[in-house]
Amino acid sequence: MTSKDKINNLIDMYNYENPLKTQQACKELLTEYPKSFIIINILGATLLKINKFDEALNNFNKAIQLNPNFVEA
């Protein structure tokens, strides 16, 4: 499975699965792709769903640091 496929699966998980499961999947993928601003952004959005606002903000800021042109973060 390519990294793009893994990210697409993660997006589907974000949209349709339990946020705690999505959070865990993000953390697992970040061990493989630690500088993926897309995965970090999805983690931030997932943390928002479970009201972890400070952690979410930290992840959004990290995504922006990795790619300042990433508008979604």
Protein backbone atom coordinates (compact mmCIF):
# COMPACT_ATOMS: atom_id res chain seq x y z
CA MET A 1 0.00 0.00 0.00
CA THR A 2 1.40 3.42 -0.95
CA SER A 3 1.60 6.36 1.43
CA LYS A 4 -1.18 8.03 -0.58
CA ASP A 5 -3.41 4.97 -0.06
CA LYS A 6 -2.66 5.01 3.66
CA ILE A 7 -3.58 8.68 3.91
CA ASN A 8 -6.79 8.11 1.94
CA ASN A 9 -7.69 5.28 4.32
CA LEU A 10 -6.97 7.59 7.24
CA ILE A 11 -9.27 10.26 5.77
CA ASP A 12 -12.03 7.67 5.38
CA MET A 13 -11.45 6.59 8.95
CA TYR A 14 -11.67 10.22 10.11
CA ASN A 15 -14.99 10.62 8.29
CA TYR A 16 -16.63 7.36 9.32
CA GLU A 17 -14.91 5.76 12.32
CA ASN A 18 -14.57 6.33 16.03
CA PRO A 19 -12.26 9.31 16.65
CA LEU A 20 -10.21 7.38 19.20
CA LYS A 21 -9.51 4.72 16.59
CA THR A 22 -8.55 7.44 14.11
CA GLN A 23 -6.27 9.07 16.68
CA GLN A 24 -4.45 5.78 17.22
CA ALA A 25 -4.12 5.17 13.47
CA CYS A 26 -2.64 8.66 13.02
CA LYS A 27 -0.07 8.03 15.73
CA GLU A 28 0.87 4.70 14.17
CA LEU A 29 1.30 6.25 10.71
CA LEU A 30 3.37 9.07 12.17
CA THR A 31 5.94 6.52 13.31
CA GLU A 32 6.35 5.64 9.63
CA TYR A 33 5.94 9.19 8.26
CA PRO A 34 6.92 11.55 11.11
CA LYS A 35 7.04 14.68 8.94
CA SER A 36 3.75 14.17 7.13
CA PHE A 37 1.92 17.44 7.60
CA ILE A 38 -1.22 15.82 6.20
CA ILE A 39 -1.29 13.09 8.85
CA ILE A 40 -0.47 15.65 11.54
CA ASN A 41 -3.36 17.80 10.32
CA ILE A 42 -5.76 14.84 10.37
CA LEU A 43 -4.60 14.09 13.91
CA GLY A 44 -5.34 17.71 14.86
CA ALA A 45 -8.83 17.52 13.36
CA THR A 46 -9.43 14.23 15.15
CA LEU A 47 -8.34 15.74 18.46
CA LEU A 48 -10.85 18.55 17.91
CA LYS A 49 -13.60 15.94 17.64
CA ILE A 50 -12.75 14.67 21.11
CA ASN A 51 -12.37 18.17 22.60
CA LYS A 52 -8.61 18.04 23.05
CA PHE A 53 -8.22 21.62 21.89
CA ASP A 54 -4.66 22.34 23.05
CA GLU A 55 -3.31 19.14 21.49
CA ALA A 56 -5.23 19.87 18.30
CA LEU A 57 -3.77 23.37 18.10
CA ASN A 58 -0.26 22.02 18.65
CA ASN A 59 -0.73 19.60 15.76
CA PHE A 60 -2.14 22.28 13.45
CA ASN A 61 0.82 24.53 14.27
CA LYS A 62 3.24 21.67 13.59
CA ALA A 63 1.59 20.99 10.22
CA ILE A 64 1.98 24.67 9.32
CA GLN A 65 5.64 24.64 10.39
CA LEU A 66 6.29 21.65 8.15
CA ASN A 67 4.46 23.24 5.23
CA PRO A 68 3.65 26.96 5.61
CA ASN A 69 1.56 26.84 2.42
CA PHE A 70 -0.78 24.18 3.84
CA VAL A 71 -4.01 26.19 3.97
CA GLU A 72 -6.14 23.44 5.52
CA ALA A 73 -4.21 23.59 8.80
